[in-house]
N, C-alpha and C. Protein backbone atom coordinates (compact mmCIF):
# COMPACT_ATOMS: atom_id res chain seq x y z
N MET A 1 -38.14 209.07 74.94
CA MET A 1 -38.38 207.97 74.50
C MET A 1 -38.12 206.54 74.38
N ALA A 2 -39.32 205.86 74.60
CA ALA A 2 -39.20 204.40 75.19
C ALA A 2 -38.86 203.61 73.89
N PHE A 3 -38.27 202.50 74.17
CA PHE A 3 -37.65 201.40 73.31
C PHE A 3 -38.94 200.72 73.06
N SER A 4 -39.00 200.68 71.41
CA SER A 4 -40.40 199.65 70.92
C SER A 4 -39.94 199.04 69.91
N LEU A 5 -40.49 197.89 69.75
CA LEU A 5 -40.32 197.02 68.41
C LEU A 5 -41.59 197.00 67.81
N LYS A 6 -42.31 198.11 67.39
CA LYS A 6 -43.85 197.67 67.01
C LYS A 6 -43.39 197.73 65.44
N THR A 7 -42.44 198.43 65.10
CA THR A 7 -42.38 198.29 63.31
C THR A 7 -41.26 197.52 62.99
N TYR A 8 -41.56 196.81 61.60
CA TYR A 8 -40.58 195.89 61.18
C TYR A 8 -38.96 196.39 61.26
N GLU A 9 -38.74 197.51 60.90
CA GLU A 9 -37.77 198.28 61.00
C GLU A 9 -37.02 197.97 62.38
N ASP A 10 -37.72 198.42 63.04
CA ASP A 10 -36.99 198.42 64.54
C ASP A 10 -36.77 197.20 64.65
N GLN A 11 -37.61 196.08 64.48
CA GLN A 11 -37.24 194.59 64.95
C GLN A 11 -36.01 194.23 64.05
N ALA A 12 -36.08 194.61 62.77
CA ALA A 12 -34.54 194.30 61.82
C ALA A 12 -33.42 194.84 62.70
N LYS A 13 -33.35 196.23 62.86
CA LYS A 13 -32.56 196.93 63.70
C LYS A 13 -32.11 195.96 65.16
N PHE A 14 -32.90 195.62 65.65
CA PHE A 14 -32.66 194.66 67.18
C PHE A 14 -32.15 193.40 66.59
N SER A 15 -32.57 193.21 65.58
CA SER A 15 -32.03 191.32 64.93
C SER A 15 -30.51 192.06 64.84
N VAL A 16 -29.93 192.79 64.35
CA VAL A 16 -28.63 193.15 64.42
C VAL A 16 -27.59 193.61 65.48
N VAL A 17 -28.59 193.96 66.33
CA VAL A 17 -27.98 194.39 67.75
C VAL A 17 -27.55 193.10 68.62
N LEU A 18 -28.76 192.08 68.40
CA LEU A 18 -28.44 190.93 68.88
C LEU A 18 -27.45 190.23 68.42
N GLY A 19 -27.34 190.27 67.29
CA GLY A 19 -26.03 189.72 66.44
C GLY A 19 -24.69 190.30 67.33
N ALA A 20 -24.64 191.37 67.19
CA ALA A 20 -23.61 192.16 67.53
C ALA A 20 -23.03 191.77 69.06
N VAL A 21 -23.91 191.76 69.68
CA VAL A 21 -23.82 191.38 71.52
C VAL A 21 -23.32 189.88 71.40
N ALA A 22 -23.84 189.02 70.81
CA ALA A 22 -23.41 187.72 70.27
C ALA A 22 -22.19 187.55 69.86
N THR A 23 -21.69 188.34 69.35
CA THR A 23 -20.59 188.46 68.56
C THR A 23 -19.30 188.89 69.67
N VAL A 24 -19.74 189.68 70.43
CA VAL A 24 -18.74 189.89 71.52
C VAL A 24 -18.64 188.73 72.53
N ALA A 25 -19.63 187.92 72.69
CA ALA A 25 -19.62 186.94 73.68
C ALA A 25 -18.84 185.71 73.17
N ILE A 26 -19.02 185.54 71.82
CA ILE A 26 -18.49 184.47 71.68
C ILE A 26 -16.80 184.57 71.16
N VAL A 27 -16.59 186.01 71.02
CA VAL A 27 -15.19 186.35 70.62
C VAL A 27 -14.55 186.34 72.06
N ALA A 28 -15.10 186.73 73.28
CA ALA A 28 -15.00 186.59 74.67
C ALA A 28 -14.32 185.21 75.10
N ALA A 29 -15.39 184.39 74.91
CA ALA A 29 -15.42 182.68 75.24
C ALA A 29 -14.00 182.38 74.15
N LEU A 30 -14.06 182.74 72.76
CA LEU A 30 -13.27 181.81 71.99
C LEU A 30 -11.81 182.41 72.44
N GLY A 31 -11.74 183.91 72.94
CA GLY A 31 -9.98 184.28 73.67
C GLY A 31 -9.98 183.43 74.83
N LEU A 32 -11.08 183.56 75.90
CA LEU A 32 -10.70 182.46 77.04
C LEU A 32 -10.06 180.92 76.56
N ILE A 33 -10.77 180.49 75.56
CA ILE A 33 -10.36 179.23 75.04
C ILE A 33 -8.77 179.17 74.38
N LEU A 34 -8.57 180.10 73.50
CA LEU A 34 -6.93 180.28 72.78
C LEU A 34 -5.98 180.54 74.14
N GLN A 35 -6.43 181.16 75.28
CA GLN A 35 -5.52 181.44 76.18
C GLN A 35 -4.83 180.23 76.67
N ARG A 36 -5.45 179.36 76.63
CA ARG A 36 -4.97 177.73 77.54
C ARG A 36 -4.70 176.85 76.53
N PHE A 37 -5.10 177.12 75.43
CA PHE A 37 -5.27 175.99 74.27
C PHE A 37 -3.67 175.12 73.88
N ASP A 38 -3.70 174.08 74.21
CA ASP A 38 -2.24 173.31 73.74
C ASP A 38 -2.47 172.65 72.52
N TRP A 39 -1.61 173.32 71.49
CA TRP A 39 -1.52 172.92 69.85
C TRP A 39 -1.06 171.62 70.15
N SER A 40 0.39 170.82 70.69
CA SER A 40 0.80 169.82 70.40
C SER A 40 -0.06 168.74 70.84
N ALA A 41 -0.77 169.11 72.46
CA ALA A 41 -1.62 168.15 72.09
C ALA A 41 -3.15 168.09 72.06
N PHE A 42 -3.37 169.12 71.21
CA PHE A 42 -4.74 169.57 70.61
C PHE A 42 -5.80 169.30 71.94
N MET A 43 -5.17 170.11 73.16
CA MET A 43 -6.32 169.97 74.27
C MET A 43 -6.38 171.23 74.87
N ILE A 44 -7.40 171.57 75.78
CA ILE A 44 -7.64 172.46 76.67
C ILE A 44 -7.60 172.28 78.03
N PRO A 45 -6.37 172.31 78.87
CA PRO A 45 -6.75 172.07 80.20
C PRO A 45 -7.22 173.06 80.89
N ILE A 46 -8.63 173.09 82.03
CA ILE A 46 -9.06 173.70 82.44
C ILE A 46 -8.70 173.16 84.08
N LYS A 47 -7.93 174.20 84.59
CA LYS A 47 -8.14 174.35 86.08
C LYS A 47 -9.01 174.86 86.96
N SER A 48 -9.74 175.91 86.35
CA SER A 48 -10.84 176.62 87.48
C SER A 48 -12.01 176.57 86.93
N LYS A 49 -12.79 176.31 87.60
CA LYS A 49 -14.35 175.86 87.44
C LYS A 49 -14.97 177.59 87.12
N LEU A 50 -14.13 178.50 87.30
CA LEU A 50 -14.58 179.90 86.88
C LEU A 50 -14.44 179.87 85.56
N ARG A 51 -13.35 179.74 85.14
CA ARG A 51 -13.17 179.83 83.78
C ARG A 51 -13.97 178.89 82.69
N LEU A 52 -14.03 177.82 83.30
CA LEU A 52 -15.05 176.74 82.85
C LEU A 52 -16.49 177.55 82.58
N VAL A 53 -16.75 178.16 83.50
CA VAL A 53 -18.55 178.50 83.33
C VAL A 53 -18.46 180.10 82.82
N ALA A 54 -17.26 180.54 82.76
CA ALA A 54 -17.13 181.81 81.79
C ALA A 54 -17.12 181.30 80.01
N ILE A 55 -16.48 180.42 80.07
CA ILE A 55 -16.26 179.99 78.63
C ILE A 55 -17.95 179.50 78.17
N LEU A 56 -18.37 178.27 78.85
CA LEU A 56 -19.57 177.78 78.66
C LEU A 56 -20.73 179.08 78.78
N GLY A 57 -20.63 179.76 79.59
CA GLY A 57 -21.79 180.95 79.53
C GLY A 57 -21.74 181.58 78.23
N GLY A 58 -20.22 181.91 77.86
CA GLY A 58 -20.06 182.83 76.76
C GLY A 58 -20.80 182.16 75.35
N ILE A 59 -20.38 181.04 75.43
CA ILE A 59 -20.91 180.35 74.42
C ILE A 59 -22.54 180.03 74.39
N GLY A 60 -22.96 179.84 75.60
CA GLY A 60 -24.41 179.81 76.00
C GLY A 60 -24.93 181.11 75.40
N VAL A 61 -24.30 182.21 76.02
CA VAL A 61 -25.50 183.59 75.60
C VAL A 61 -25.40 183.79 74.18
N ALA A 62 -24.09 183.49 73.52
CA ALA A 62 -23.97 183.65 71.90
C ALA A 62 -25.02 182.70 71.37
N GLY A 63 -25.45 181.97 71.44
CA GLY A 63 -26.24 180.62 70.81
C GLY A 63 -27.54 181.35 71.36
N LEU A 64 -27.86 181.73 72.57
CA LEU A 64 -29.12 182.08 72.91
C LEU A 64 -29.47 183.45 71.91
N LEU A 65 -28.51 184.60 71.96
CA LEU A 65 -29.09 185.85 71.39
C LEU A 65 -29.11 185.50 70.09
N SER A 66 -28.24 184.95 69.37
CA SER A 66 -28.04 184.73 67.85
C SER A 66 -29.48 184.02 67.64
N THR A 67 -29.88 183.01 68.08
CA THR A 67 -30.96 182.18 67.98
C THR A 67 -32.03 183.32 67.84
N ALA A 68 -32.35 184.23 68.85
CA ALA A 68 -33.42 184.96 69.21
C ALA A 68 -33.30 186.04 67.96
N GLY A 69 -32.01 186.24 67.38
CA GLY A 69 -31.77 187.13 66.61
C GLY A 69 -32.31 186.86 65.11
N PHE A 70 -31.89 185.93 64.79
CA PHE A 70 -31.96 184.80 63.73
C PHE A 70 -33.66 184.74 63.33
N PHE A 71 -34.53 184.24 64.47
CA PHE A 71 -36.17 184.38 64.17
C PHE A 71 -36.79 185.59 64.19
N VAL A 72 -36.07 187.10 64.73
CA VAL A 72 -36.68 188.02 64.75
C VAL A 72 -36.42 188.56 63.30
N SER A 73 -35.18 188.36 62.72
CA SER A 73 -35.01 188.78 61.29
C SER A 73 -35.75 187.76 60.54
N LEU A 74 -35.66 186.95 60.94
CA LEU A 74 -36.37 185.77 59.77
C LEU A 74 -38.39 186.45 59.63
N ASN A 75 -38.63 186.64 61.41
CA ASN A 75 -39.95 187.29 60.99
C ASN A 75 -40.29 188.52 59.98
N THR A 76 -39.39 189.20 59.98
CA THR A 76 -39.46 190.44 59.20
C THR A 76 -38.81 190.47 57.89
N ALA A 77 -38.27 189.74 57.46
CA ALA A 77 -37.57 189.55 56.23
C ALA A 77 -38.55 189.49 55.09
N GLY A 78 -39.48 188.65 55.34
CA GLY A 78 -40.85 188.86 54.11
C GLY A 78 -42.02 189.72 54.32
N GLN A 79 -41.90 190.68 55.54
CA GLN A 79 -42.94 191.13 55.73
C GLN A 79 -43.32 192.66 54.38
N LYS A 80 -44.43 192.79 53.89
CA LYS A 80 -44.51 193.76 52.63
C LYS A 80 -44.45 195.44 53.51
N ARG A 81 -44.65 195.61 54.48
CA ARG A 81 -44.37 196.50 55.01
C ARG A 81 -43.14 197.25 55.45
N ASN A 82 -42.30 196.34 55.48
CA ASN A 82 -40.78 196.12 56.28
C ASN A 82 -40.64 197.14 54.58
N LYS A 83 -39.63 198.55 54.90
CA LYS A 83 -39.29 199.25 54.22
C LYS A 83 -37.72 198.90 54.18
N ASN A 84 -37.17 198.58 55.06
CA ASN A 84 -35.73 198.16 54.81
C ASN A 84 -35.68 196.54 55.05
N GLN A 85 -36.02 196.02 53.80
CA GLN A 85 -35.71 194.14 53.39
C GLN A 85 -34.27 194.05 53.69
N SER A 86 -33.32 195.06 53.23
CA SER A 86 -31.78 194.77 53.36
C SER A 86 -30.92 194.49 54.62
N LEU A 87 -32.12 195.25 55.65
CA LEU A 87 -31.30 194.98 56.86
C LEU A 87 -31.53 193.67 57.67
N SER A 88 -32.93 193.41 57.27
CA SER A 88 -33.62 192.13 57.88
C SER A 88 -32.89 191.07 57.47
N TRP A 89 -32.48 191.09 55.89
CA TRP A 89 -31.69 189.95 55.45
C TRP A 89 -29.78 189.66 56.26
N THR A 90 -29.62 191.02 56.35
CA THR A 90 -28.38 190.86 56.86
C THR A 90 -28.34 190.91 58.30
N GLY A 91 -29.49 190.82 59.08
CA GLY A 91 -29.45 190.04 60.35
C GLY A 91 -29.56 188.89 60.23
N PHE A 92 -30.56 188.49 59.29
CA PHE A 92 -30.60 187.05 59.03
C PHE A 92 -29.12 186.26 59.09
N PHE A 93 -28.47 186.78 58.14
CA PHE A 93 -27.39 185.94 57.82
C PHE A 93 -26.23 186.05 58.70
N PHE A 94 -26.10 187.33 59.31
CA PHE A 94 -25.15 187.54 60.70
C PHE A 94 -25.39 186.55 61.57
N ASN A 95 -26.80 186.51 62.21
CA ASN A 95 -26.89 186.16 62.94
C ASN A 95 -26.96 184.37 63.03
N ALA A 96 -27.02 183.87 61.51
CA ALA A 96 -26.86 182.62 61.09
C ALA A 96 -25.47 182.28 61.48
N ALA A 97 -24.75 182.94 60.74
CA ALA A 97 -23.16 182.91 60.93
C ALA A 97 -22.55 182.95 62.24
N ILE A 98 -23.09 183.48 63.23
CA ILE A 98 -22.91 183.61 64.86
C ILE A 98 -23.63 182.19 65.49
N LEU A 99 -24.48 182.00 65.02
CA LEU A 99 -25.14 180.44 65.66
C LEU A 99 -24.39 179.28 65.42
N THR A 100 -23.81 179.58 63.81
CA THR A 100 -22.67 178.13 63.36
C THR A 100 -21.72 178.52 64.06
N LEU A 101 -21.01 179.86 64.28
CA LEU A 101 -19.94 179.82 64.84
C LEU A 101 -20.16 179.42 66.54
N ALA A 102 -20.83 179.51 67.33
CA ALA A 102 -20.91 179.33 68.69
C ALA A 102 -21.16 177.67 68.63
N ALA A 103 -21.70 177.27 67.67
CA ALA A 103 -21.97 175.69 67.92
C ALA A 103 -20.99 175.08 67.47
N CYS A 104 -20.24 175.60 66.54
CA CYS A 104 -18.53 174.90 66.36
C CYS A 104 -17.65 175.25 67.25
N VAL A 105 -17.60 176.19 68.27
CA VAL A 105 -16.55 176.49 69.04
C VAL A 105 -17.23 175.33 70.05
N GLY A 106 -18.61 175.33 70.60
CA GLY A 106 -19.05 174.64 71.83
C GLY A 106 -18.72 173.48 71.79
N VAL A 107 -18.97 172.71 70.24
CA VAL A 107 -18.50 171.44 70.09
C VAL A 107 -16.83 171.09 70.28
N VAL A 108 -16.11 171.70 69.51
CA VAL A 108 -14.80 171.61 69.91
C VAL A 108 -14.30 171.60 71.21
N PHE A 109 -14.88 172.73 71.99
CA PHE A 109 -14.22 172.78 73.07
C PHE A 109 -15.01 171.66 73.88
N MET A 110 -15.89 171.20 73.58
CA MET A 110 -16.40 169.94 74.53
C MET A 110 -15.95 169.07 74.18
N LEU A 111 -15.06 168.66 73.09
CA LEU A 111 -14.29 167.73 72.83
C LEU A 111 -13.11 167.50 73.18
N THR A 112 -12.22 168.65 73.39
CA THR A 112 -10.88 169.04 73.75
C THR A 112 -10.45 169.18 75.18
N LYS A 113 -11.69 169.47 76.11
CA LYS A 113 -11.48 170.18 77.07
C LYS A 113 -10.76 169.00 78.34
N ILE A 114 -10.04 169.37 79.03
CA ILE A 114 -9.68 168.07 79.86
C ILE A 114 -9.44 169.00 81.60
N SER A 115 -10.50 168.32 82.35
CA SER A 115 -9.71 168.91 83.88
C SER A 115 -8.52 168.38 84.18
N VAL A 116 -7.83 169.36 85.14
CA VAL A 116 -6.80 169.27 85.68
C VAL A 116 -6.86 169.58 87.09
N SER A 117 -6.71 168.62 87.97
CA SER A 117 -6.63 168.94 89.34
C SER A 117 -5.93 169.55 89.86
């Protein structure tokens, strides 16, 4: 059986899956940030470029996936032929929350990071 997004119910399920993958990405980025966070100075010393790329990649992936899931669920939420409206609204609010979290983590990270050579 092939993967299909023809029905609104399948699109609603897909939006929740996108939100779940975005959650994994933002939690991984947050874990990398909190490993190095210095609470007394309220800054994140970044020594390696690989860690910086991993953090920014996690934030970016979470933002992109939750944005896609947000708009997919927004499209399915008001459709009359959608038999599972509650899943569409769950995906909508779930992706909105993850998108907000990704934006907040990104802003805090950009304001508190400092390069250490």
